[in-house]
Amino acid sequence: IWIRYAKKILVEEGHSLPHLVHIWQLVVRHASLFYSCRSQFVPQMVNSLSRLGLPQNSPQDNRKLSLDLAHLVVSWEKKRRQSSEVSSPVPCPAPGSGTEHKRQREEVGV
């Protein structure tokens, strides 16, 4: 339920930089809890990176937060890929299987 409130604050108060910083710090500190709902947060994370870290007058803490958010998005994606590889491994064709010979015939033009 508190994930829903975090999302609501981002939507309603996302224009306010202090609110934005507070919510993103919460997400970064409790990343494992937000992992299941990452699809709701990642687009807004990416959009807010430029507001947090790019301006010349942005504080060091905001720049660090933008780096932490980028790292979080990458780590969530790595975790998703690892879990998908474990749950559904893609079998590699064995040497000498039919696909190898078919590819050779297509290259030769037969």
Protein backbone atom coordinates (compact mmCIF):
# COMPACT_ATOMS: atom_id res chain seq x y z
CA ILE A 1 0.00 0.00 0.00
CA TRP A 2 2.87 2.42 0.69
CA ILE A 3 4.22 1.78 -2.80
CA ARG A 4 0.93 3.13 -4.11
CA TYR A 5 1.38 6.28 -2.00
CA ALA A 6 4.93 6.75 -3.27
CA LYS A 7 3.63 6.52 -6.83
CA LYS A 8 0.81 8.96 -6.03
CA ILE A 9 3.25 11.51 -4.59
CA LEU A 10 5.46 11.19 -7.67
CA VAL A 11 2.51 11.87 -9.96
CA GLU A 12 0.96 14.69 -7.92
CA GLU A 13 4.04 16.35 -6.44
CA GLY A 14 6.68 15.40 -9.02
CA HIS A 15 7.10 19.03 -10.04
CA SER A 16 8.47 19.83 -6.57
CA LEU A 17 12.16 18.98 -6.42
CA PRO A 18 12.27 18.35 -2.64
CA HIS A 19 9.40 15.85 -2.90
CA LEU A 20 11.03 14.20 -5.87
CA VAL A 21 14.36 13.87 -4.06
CA HIS A 22 12.69 12.43 -0.98
CA ILE A 23 10.75 9.77 -2.90
CA TRP A 24 13.76 8.74 -4.99
CA GLN A 25 15.89 8.44 -1.85
CA LEU A 26 13.22 6.17 -0.43
CA VAL A 27 13.23 4.02 -3.57
CA VAL A 28 17.04 3.80 -3.65
CA ARG A 29 17.28 2.85 0.02
CA HIS A 30 14.57 0.18 -0.26
CA ALA A 31 15.20 -1.02 -3.80
CA SER A 32 14.34 -4.65 -3.10
CA LEU A 33 10.86 -3.68 -1.90
CA PHE A 34 10.19 -1.63 -5.03
CA TYR A 35 11.55 -4.29 -7.41
CA SER A 36 8.17 -5.93 -7.96
CA CYS A 37 6.69 -2.57 -9.03
CA ARG A 38 9.69 -1.32 -10.99
CA SER A 39 7.76 -0.95 -14.24
CA GLN A 40 5.71 1.83 -12.63
CA PHE A 41 8.78 3.75 -11.45
CA VAL A 42 11.50 3.31 -14.08
CA PRO A 43 10.04 5.72 -16.70
CA GLN A 44 9.73 8.47 -14.11
CA MET A 45 13.20 7.71 -12.78
CA VAL A 46 14.70 8.19 -16.22
CA ASN A 47 12.74 11.40 -16.79
CA SER A 48 13.80 12.89 -13.47
CA LEU A 49 17.53 12.18 -13.93
CA SER A 50 17.99 15.36 -15.94
CA ARG A 51 16.23 17.45 -13.28
CA LEU A 52 18.35 16.02 -10.49
CA GLY A 53 21.88 15.86 -11.80
CA LEU A 54 22.32 17.96 -14.92
CA PRO A 55 21.80 21.57 -13.78
CA GLN A 56 25.05 23.35 -12.96
CA ASN A 57 23.71 24.58 -9.63
CA SER A 58 22.38 21.21 -8.44
CA PRO A 59 23.74 20.07 -5.07
CA GLN A 60 26.19 17.18 -4.78
CA ASP A 61 23.54 15.08 -3.03
CA ASN A 62 21.19 15.41 -5.99
CA ARG A 63 23.95 14.45 -8.41
CA LYS A 64 24.78 11.41 -6.30
CA LEU A 65 21.10 10.51 -6.19
CA SER A 66 20.86 10.66 -9.98
CA LEU A 67 23.83 8.29 -10.24
CA ASP A 68 22.23 5.99 -7.66
CA LEU A 69 19.00 5.97 -9.67
CA ALA A 70 20.83 5.09 -12.88
CA HIS A 71 22.68 2.32 -11.06
CA LEU A 72 19.39 1.06 -9.63
CA VAL A 73 17.75 0.86 -13.05
CA VAL A 74 20.73 -1.10 -14.40
CA SER A 75 20.81 -3.46 -11.40
CA TRP A 76 17.05 -4.11 -11.65
CA GLU A 77 17.50 -4.96 -15.34
CA LYS A 78 20.38 -7.33 -14.55
CA LYS A 79 18.29 -9.00 -11.86
CA ARG A 80 15.38 -9.37 -14.28
CA ARG A 81 17.60 -10.93 -16.93
CA GLN A 82 19.15 -13.35 -14.44
CA SER A 83 15.76 -14.45 -13.19
CA SER A 84 14.47 -14.92 -16.73
CA GLU A 85 17.54 -16.98 -17.68
CA VAL A 86 17.07 -19.20 -14.65
CA SER A 87 13.34 -19.69 -15.22
CA SER A 88 13.51 -20.34 -18.97
CA PRO A 89 16.95 -21.30 -20.26
CA VAL A 90 17.32 -21.16 -24.02
CA PRO A 91 18.77 -24.43 -25.32
CA CYS A 92 21.79 -24.06 -27.55
CA PRO A 93 21.79 -26.23 -30.65
CA ALA A 94 24.30 -29.04 -30.45
CA PRO A 95 27.11 -29.16 -33.01
CA GLY A 96 26.06 -31.23 -35.99
CA SER A 97 22.36 -30.51 -35.53
CA GLY A 98 20.10 -29.67 -38.42
CA THR A 99 20.32 -25.91 -38.09
CA GLU A 100 24.04 -25.87 -38.74
CA HIS A 101 23.70 -27.82 -41.99
CA LYS A 102 20.74 -25.72 -43.13
CA ARG A 103 22.75 -22.52 -42.62
CA GLN A 104 25.66 -23.94 -44.64
CA ARG A 105 23.32 -24.91 -47.48
CA GLU A 106 21.80 -21.41 -47.52
CA GLU A 107 25.26 -19.83 -47.75
CA VAL A 108 26.24 -22.07 -50.65
CA GLY A 109 22.92 -21.43 -52.37
CA VAL A 110 21.64 -25.00 -52.44
